[in-house]
PDB file of N, CA and C in Angstrom:
ATOM      1  N   MET A   1      43.946  18.163  38.991  1.00  0.00           N
ATOM      2  CA  MET A   1      43.480  18.459  37.956  1.00  0.00           C
ATOM      3  C   MET A   1      43.767  19.364  37.132  1.00  0.00           C
ATOM      4  N   ALA A   2      45.130  19.943  37.575  1.00  0.00           N
ATOM      5  CA  ALA A   2      45.980  20.773  36.667  1.00  0.00           C
ATOM      6  C   ALA A   2      46.919  20.051  35.709  1.00  0.00           C
ATOM      7  N   ALA A   3      47.159  18.683  36.406  1.00  0.00           N
ATOM      8  CA  ALA A   3      47.982  17.974  35.405  1.00  0.00           C
ATOM      9  C   ALA A   3      47.241  16.970  34.525  1.00  0.00           C
ATOM     10  N   ALA A   4      45.904  16.877  34.583  1.00  0.00           N
ATOM     11  CA  ALA A   4      44.754  16.695  33.240  1.00  0.00           C
ATOM     12  C   ALA A   4      44.898  17.299  32.461  1.00  0.00           C
ATOM     13  N   TRP A   5      44.653  18.494  32.672  1.00  0.00           N
ATOM     14  CA  TRP A   5      44.490  20.006  31.584  1.00  0.00           C
ATOM     15  C   TRP A   5      46.303  20.181  30.842  1.00  0.00           C
ATOM     16  N   GLN A   6      47.042  19.091  31.737  1.00  0.00           N
ATOM     17  CA  GLN A   6      48.170  20.154  31.070  1.00  0.00           C
ATOM     18  C   GLN A   6      48.545  18.616  29.919  1.00  0.00           C
ATOM     19  N   ARG A   7      47.528  17.655  30.611  1.00  0.00           N
ATOM     20  CA  ARG A   7      47.652  16.128  29.410  1.00  0.00           C
ATOM     21  C   ARG A   7      47.153  16.631  28.146  1.00  0.00           C
ATOM     22  N   LEU A   8      46.387  17.251  28.510  1.00  0.00           N
ATOM     23  CA  LEU A   8      45.193  17.473  27.130  1.00  0.00           C
ATOM     24  C   LEU A   8      45.446  18.497  26.331  1.00  0.00           C
ATOM     25  N   MET A   9      46.137  19.544  26.714  1.00  0.00           N
ATOM     26  CA  MET A   9      46.718  20.498  26.162  1.00  0.00           C
ATOM     27  C   MET A   9      47.897  19.950  25.949  1.00  0.00           C
ATOM     28  N   VAL A  10      48.744  19.409  26.195  1.00  0.00           N
ATOM     29  CA  VAL A  10      50.139  18.341  25.208  1.00  0.00           C
ATOM     30  C   VAL A  10      49.222  17.710  23.699  1.00  0.00           C
ATOM     31  N   VAL A  11      48.072  17.071  24.104  1.00  0.00           N
ATOM     32  CA  VAL A  11      47.845  15.793  23.106  1.00  0.00           C
ATOM     33  C   VAL A  11      47.102  16.378  21.961  1.00  0.00           C
ATOM     34  N   VAL A  12      46.107  17.897  22.714  1.00  0.00           N
ATOM     35  CA  VAL A  12      45.739  18.802  21.062  1.00  0.00           C
ATOM     36  C   VAL A  12      47.267  19.750  21.096  1.00  0.00           C
ATOM     37  N   ALA A  13      48.028  20.149  21.478  1.00  0.00           N
ATOM     38  CA  ALA A  13      49.243  20.443  20.552  1.00  0.00           C
ATOM     39  C   ALA A  13      49.427  19.019  19.270  1.00  0.00           C
ATOM     40  N   LEU A  14      50.143  18.125  19.912  1.00  0.00           N
ATOM     41  CA  LEU A  14      50.500  17.665  19.112  1.00  0.00           C
ATOM     42  C   LEU A  14      49.846  16.875  18.353  1.00  0.00           C
ATOM     43  N   VAL A  15      48.172  17.033  17.695  1.00  0.00           N
ATOM     44  CA  VAL A  15      47.541  16.509  17.162  1.00  0.00           C
ATOM     45  C   VAL A  15      47.523  17.921  15.949  1.00  0.00           C
ATOM     46  N   PHE A  16      47.431  18.885  16.482  1.00  0.00           N
ATOM     47  CA  PHE A  16      47.589  20.175  15.244  1.00  0.00           C
ATOM     48  C   PHE A  16      48.437  20.289  14.605  1.00  0.00           C
ATOM     49  N   GLY A  17      49.837  19.826  15.755  1.00  0.00           N
ATOM     50  CA  GLY A  17      51.105  19.737  15.780  1.00  0.00           C
ATOM     51  C   GLY A  17      51.521  18.988  13.843  1.00  0.00           C
ATOM     52  N   ILE A  18      50.951  17.841  14.080  1.00  0.00           N
ATOM     53  CA  ILE A  18      50.987  16.805  12.973  1.00  0.00           C
ATOM     54  C   ILE A  18      50.076  16.718  11.649  1.00  0.00           C
ATOM     55  N   ALA A  19      48.319  16.945  12.738  1.00  0.00           N
ATOM     56  CA  ALA A  19      47.249  17.202  11.151  1.00  0.00           C
ATOM     57  C   ALA A  19      47.237  18.291  10.506  1.00  0.00           C
ATOM     58  N   LEU A  20      47.543  19.659  11.155  1.00  0.00           N
ATOM     59  CA  LEU A  20      48.413  21.411   9.987  1.00  0.00           C
ATOM     60  C   LEU A  20      48.903  20.799   9.489  1.00  0.00           C
ATOM     61  N   PRO A  21      50.644  20.553   9.329  1.00  0.00           N
ATOM     62  CA  PRO A  21      51.412  20.126   8.188  1.00  0.00           C
ATOM     63  C   PRO A  21      51.103  19.677   6.831  1.00  0.00           C
ATOM     64  N   VAL A  22      49.907  18.539   7.378  1.00  0.00           N
ATOM     65  CA  VAL A  22      49.285  17.411   6.117  1.00  0.00           C
ATOM     66  C   VAL A  22      48.156  18.440   5.503  1.00  0.00           C
ATOM     67  N   VAL A  23      47.556  18.999   6.235  1.00  0.00           N
ATOM     68  CA  VAL A  23      45.993  19.783   5.609  1.00  0.00           C
ATOM     69  C   VAL A  23      46.804  20.858   4.886  1.00  0.00           C
ATOM     70  N   GLN A  24      48.251  21.409   5.156  1.00  0.00           N
ATOM     71  CA  GLN A  24      48.580  22.389   4.837  1.00  0.00           C
ATOM     72  C   GLN A  24      49.819  22.082   3.006  1.00  0.00           C
ATOM     73  N   SER A  25      49.766  20.893   3.494  1.00  0.00           N
ATOM     74  CA  SER A  25      50.734  20.725   2.157  1.00  0.00           C
ATOM     75  C   SER A  25      50.302  20.016   0.803  1.00  0.00           C
ATOM     76  N   HIS A  26      48.728  19.881   1.013  1.00  0.00           N
ATOM     77  CA  HIS A  26      48.035  19.629  -0.030  1.00  0.00           C
ATOM     78  C   HIS A  26      47.105  20.718  -0.547  1.00  0.00           C
ATOM     79  N   GLU A  27      47.717  21.946  -0.111  1.00  0.00           N
ATOM     80  CA  GLU A  27      47.134  23.204  -0.541  1.00  0.00           C
ATOM     81  C   GLU A  27      47.948  23.431  -2.066  1.00  0.00           C
ATOM     82  N   HIS A  28      48.935  23.023  -2.399  1.00  0.00           N
ATOM     83  CA  HIS A  28      49.711  22.933  -3.429  1.00  0.00           C
ATOM     84  C   HIS A  28      50.107  21.880  -4.437  1.00  0.00           C
ATOM     85  N   ALA A  29      49.004  21.178  -4.049  1.00  0.00           N
ATOM     86  CA  ALA A  29      49.345  20.168  -5.273  1.00  0.00           C
ATOM     87  C   ALA A  29      48.443  20.123  -6.728  1.00  0.00           C
ATOM     88  N   PRO A  30      48.915  19.625  -7.573  1.00  0.00           N
ATOM     89  CA  PRO A  30      49.103  19.862  -9.059  1.00  0.00           C
ATOM     90  C   PRO A  30      47.102  20.082  -8.806  1.00  0.00           C
ATOM     91  N   ALA A  31      46.901  20.519 -10.293  1.00  0.00           N
ATOM     92  CA  ALA A  31      45.445  20.621 -10.902  1.00  0.00           C
ATOM     93  C   ALA A  31      45.048  19.436 -11.402  1.00  0.00           C
ATOM     94  N   PRO A  32      43.943  18.832 -11.085  1.00  0.00           N
ATOM     95  CA  PRO A  32      43.672  17.332 -11.816  1.00  0.00           C
ATOM     96  C   PRO A  32      43.237  17.361 -12.917  1.00  0.00           C
ATOM     97  N   ALA A  33      43.555  16.563 -14.176  1.00  0.00           N
ATOM     98  CA  ALA A  33      43.720  16.065 -15.289  1.00  0.00           C
ATOM     99  C   ALA A  33      42.138  16.891 -15.863  1.00  0.00           C
ATOM    100  N   PRO A  34      42.305  17.201 -17.519  1.00  0.00           N
ATOM    101  CA  PRO A  34      40.799  17.487 -17.589  1.00  0.00           C
ATOM    102  C   PRO A  34      39.956  16.053 -17.485  1.00  0.00           C
ATOM    103  N   THR A  35      38.916  16.409 -17.706  1.00  0.00           N
ATOM    104  CA  THR A  35      37.806  15.311 -17.641  1.00  0.00           C
ATOM    105  C   THR A  35      37.414  15.250 -18.962  1.00  0.00           C
ATOM    106  N   SER A  36      37.498  16.089 -20.007  1.00  0.00           N
ATOM    107  CA  SER A  36      36.843  16.372 -21.505  1.00  0.00           C
ATOM    108  C   SER A  36      38.040  17.170 -21.994  1.00  0.00           C
ATOM    109  N   ASP A  37      38.072  16.138 -23.123  1.00  0.00           N
ATOM    110  CA  ASP A  37      39.148  16.803 -24.397  1.00  0.00           C
ATOM    111  C   ASP A  37      38.427  17.556 -25.086  1.00  0.00           C
ATOM    112  N   GLY A  38      37.098  17.908 -25.497  1.00  0.00           N
ATOM    113  CA  GLY A  38      36.276  18.116 -26.427  1.00  0.00           C
ATOM    114  C   GLY A  38      35.899  17.283 -27.594  1.00  0.00           C
ATOM    115  N   VAL A  39      35.877  16.040 -26.806  1.00  0.00           N
ATOM    116  CA  VAL A  39      35.885  15.085 -27.957  1.00  0.00           C
ATOM    117  C   VAL A  39      34.076  14.791 -28.157  1.00  0.00           C
ATOM    118  N   SER A  40      33.866  15.076 -26.752  1.00  0.00           N
ATOM    119  CA  SER A  40      32.118  14.887 -26.546  1.00  0.00           C
ATOM    120  C   SER A  40      31.668  16.055 -27.140  1.00  0.00           C
ATOM    121  N   ILE A  41      32.074  16.736 -26.615  1.00  0.00           N
ATOM    122  CA  ILE A  41      31.389  18.001 -27.631  1.00  0.00           C
ATOM    123  C   ILE A  41      31.414  18.157 -28.841  1.00  0.00           C
ATOM    124  N   ASP A  42      31.849  17.723 -29.741  1.00  0.00           N
ATOM    125  CA  ASP A  42      32.394  17.701 -31.432  1.00  0.00           C
ATOM    126  C   ASP A  42      30.899  16.440 -31.928  1.00  0.00           C
ATOM    127  N   GLN A  43      31.120  15.121 -30.888  1.00  0.00           N
ATOM    128  CA  GLN A  43      30.327  14.313 -31.083  1.00  0.00           C
ATOM    129  C   GLN A  43      28.959  14.757 -30.888  1.00  0.00           C
ATOM    130  N   GLY A  44      29.013  15.788 -30.239  1.00  0.00           N
ATOM    131  CA  GLY A  44      27.780  16.438 -30.312  1.00  0.00           C
ATOM    132  C   GLY A  44      27.048  16.698 -30.961  1.00  0.00           C
ATOM    133  N   ILE A  45      27.619  17.817 -31.405  1.00  0.00           N
ATOM    134  CA  ILE A  45      27.747  18.536 -32.597  1.00  0.00           C
ATOM    135  C   ILE A  45      27.725  18.179 -34.003  1.00  0.00           C
ATOM    136  N   ALA A  46      28.167  17.278 -33.733  1.00  0.00           N
ATOM    137  CA  ALA A  46      28.094  15.611 -35.545  1.00  0.00           C
ATOM    138  C   ALA A  46      26.825  15.554 -35.641  1.00  0.00           C
ATOM    139  N   TYR A  47      26.618  14.908 -33.934  1.00  0.00           N
ATOM    140  CA  TYR A  47      24.414  14.509 -34.287  1.00  0.00           C
ATOM    141  C   TYR A  47      23.960  15.681 -34.608  1.00  0.00           C
ATOM    142  N   MET A  48      23.267  16.496 -34.062  1.00  0.00           N
ATOM    143  CA  MET A  48      22.654  17.709 -34.761  1.00  0.00           C
ATOM    144  C   MET A  48      22.885  17.908 -36.066  1.00  0.00           C
ATOM    145  N   LEU A  49      24.224  18.030 -36.614  1.00  0.00           N
ATOM    146  CA  LEU A  49      24.224  18.248 -38.026  1.00  0.00           C
ATOM    147  C   LEU A  49      23.293  17.229 -38.910  1.00  0.00           C
ATOM    148  N   MET A  50      23.927  15.789 -37.918  1.00  0.00           N
ATOM    149  CA  MET A  50      23.513  14.482 -38.984  1.00  0.00           C
ATOM    150  C   MET A  50      21.898  14.907 -38.863  1.00  0.00           C
ATOM    151  N   LEU A  51      21.222  15.066 -37.834  1.00  0.00           N
ATOM    152  CA  LEU A  51      19.748  15.180 -37.387  1.00  0.00           C
ATOM    153  C   LEU A  51      19.904  16.240 -38.628  1.00  0.00           C
ATOM    154  N   VAL A  52      19.739  17.382 -38.305  1.00  0.00           N
ATOM    155  CA  VAL A  52      19.399  18.572 -38.768  1.00  0.00           C
ATOM    156  C   VAL A  52      19.512  17.987 -40.505  1.00  0.00           C
ATOM    157  N   ALA A  53      20.440  17.413 -40.873  1.00  0.00           N
ATOM    158  CA  ALA A  53      20.742  17.278 -41.988  1.00  0.00           C
ATOM    159  C   ALA A  53      19.268  15.870 -42.519  1.00  0.00           C
ATOM    160  N   LEU A  54      19.349  15.235 -41.673  1.00  0.00           N
ATOM    161  CA  LEU A  54      17.735  14.367 -42.035  1.00  0.00           C
ATOM    162  C   LEU A  54      16.164  14.894 -42.254  1.00  0.00           C
ATOM    163  N   VAL A  55      16.421  15.781 -41.141  1.00  0.00           N
ATOM    164  CA  VAL A  55      15.151  16.439 -41.445  1.00  0.00           C
ATOM    165  C   VAL A  55      15.113  17.327 -42.356  1.00  0.00           C
ATOM    166  N   LEU A  56      16.067  17.845 -42.624  1.00  0.00           N
ATOM    167  CA  LEU A  56      15.829  18.685 -44.466  1.00  0.00           C
ATOM    168  C   LEU A  56      15.704  17.565 -45.557  1.00  0.00           C
ATOM    169  N   THR A  57      16.371  16.236 -45.610  1.00  0.00           N
ATOM    170  CA  THR A  57      15.997  15.911 -46.291  1.00  0.00           C
ATOM    171  C   THR A  57      14.873  15.251 -46.635  1.00  0.00           C
ATOM    172  N   TYR A  58      13.879  14.974 -45.455  1.00  0.00           N
ATOM    173  CA  TYR A  58      12.654  14.655 -45.522  1.00  0.00           C
ATOM    174  C   TYR A  58      11.794  15.347 -45.871  1.00  0.00           C
ATOM    175  N   LEU A  59      12.302  17.255 -45.581  1.00  0.00           N
ATOM    176  CA  LEU A  59      11.425  17.635 -46.086  1.00  0.00           C
ATOM    177  C   LEU A  59      11.601  18.107 -47.463  1.00  0.00           C
ATOM    178  N   ILE A  60      12.912  18.068 -48.405  1.00  0.00           N
ATOM    179  CA  ILE A  60      12.221  18.111 -49.864  1.00  0.00           C
ATOM    180  C   ILE A  60      12.237  17.556 -50.392  1.00  0.00           C
ATOM    181  N   HIS A  61      12.939  15.688 -49.485  1.00  0.00           N
ATOM    182  CA  HIS A  61      12.136  14.544 -50.363  1.00  0.00           C
ATOM    183  C   HIS A  61      11.135  14.659 -51.158  1.00  0.00           C
ATOM    184  N   PRO A  62       9.968  14.902 -50.045  1.00  0.00           N
ATOM    185  CA  PRO A  62       8.428  15.191 -50.934  1.00  0.00           C
ATOM    186  C   PRO A  62       8.444  15.673 -52.085  1.00  0.00           C
ATOM    187  N   LEU A  63       8.505  17.053 -51.937  1.00  0.00           N
ATOM    188  CA  LEU A  63       8.669  17.614 -53.014  1.00  0.00           C
ATOM    189  C   LEU A  63       9.464  17.328 -54.798  1.00  0.00           C
ATOM    190  N   ASP A  64      10.575  16.773 -54.883  1.00  0.00           N
ATOM    191  CA  ASP A  64      11.461  16.298 -55.670  1.00  0.00           C
ATOM    192  C   ASP A  64      10.083  15.166 -55.943  1.00  0.00           C
ATOM    193  N   ALA A  65       9.606  13.909 -55.219  1.00  0.00           N
ATOM    194  CA  ALA A  65       8.828  13.697 -55.604  1.00  0.00           C
ATOM    195  C   ALA A  65       7.190  13.518 -55.834  1.00  0.00           C
ATOM    196  N   SER A  66       7.261  14.804 -55.191  1.00  0.00           N
ATOM    197  CA  SER A  66       5.372  15.008 -55.711  1.00  0.00           C
ATOM    198  C   SER A  66       5.350  15.135 -57.303  1.00  0.00           C
ATOM    199  N   SER A  67       6.320  15.581 -57.787  1.00  0.00           N
ATOM    200  CA  SER A  67       6.459  15.803 -59.495  1.00  0.00           C
ATOM    201  C   SER A  67       6.216  14.432 -59.897  1.00  0.00           C
ATOM    202  N   TYR A  68       6.419  13.506 -59.783  1.00  0.00           N
ATOM    203  CA  TYR A  68       6.772  12.124 -60.887  1.00  0.00           C
ATOM    204  C   TYR A  68       4.849  11.606 -60.486  1.00  0.00           C
ATOM    205  N   LYS A  69       4.534  10.879 -61.036  1.00  0.00           N
ATOM    206  CA  LYS A  69       3.132   9.883 -60.698  1.00  0.00           C
ATOM    207  C   LYS A  69       3.605   9.161 -60.868  1.00  0.00           C
ATOM    208  N   LEU A  70       3.450   8.106 -59.903  1.00  0.00           N
ATOM    209  CA  LEU A  70       3.978   6.494 -60.104  1.00  0.00           C
ATOM    210  C   LEU A  70       2.228   5.186 -59.980  1.00  0.00           C
ATOM    211  N   PHE A  71       1.349   6.100 -59.756  1.00  0.00           N
ATOM    212  CA  PHE A  71      -0.261   5.589 -60.413  1.00  0.00           C
ATOM    213  C   PHE A  71      -1.164   5.780 -61.302  1.00  0.00           C
TER     214      PHE A  71
END
């Protein structure tokens, strides 16, 4: 029984001896590259400004057209 216990301890020590240094080596890995460089934010702002311009155009245009009598 003692021999089996010693073999188990040797196997556990080998697993930890191999696995733990591998886990620690990833600790100092470089940071991942940024996923966004701001282009999507700029595009979203541009779409919002275009929507505001479209709404203002449709709000102001009927006021200009009301002074004209088509029929």
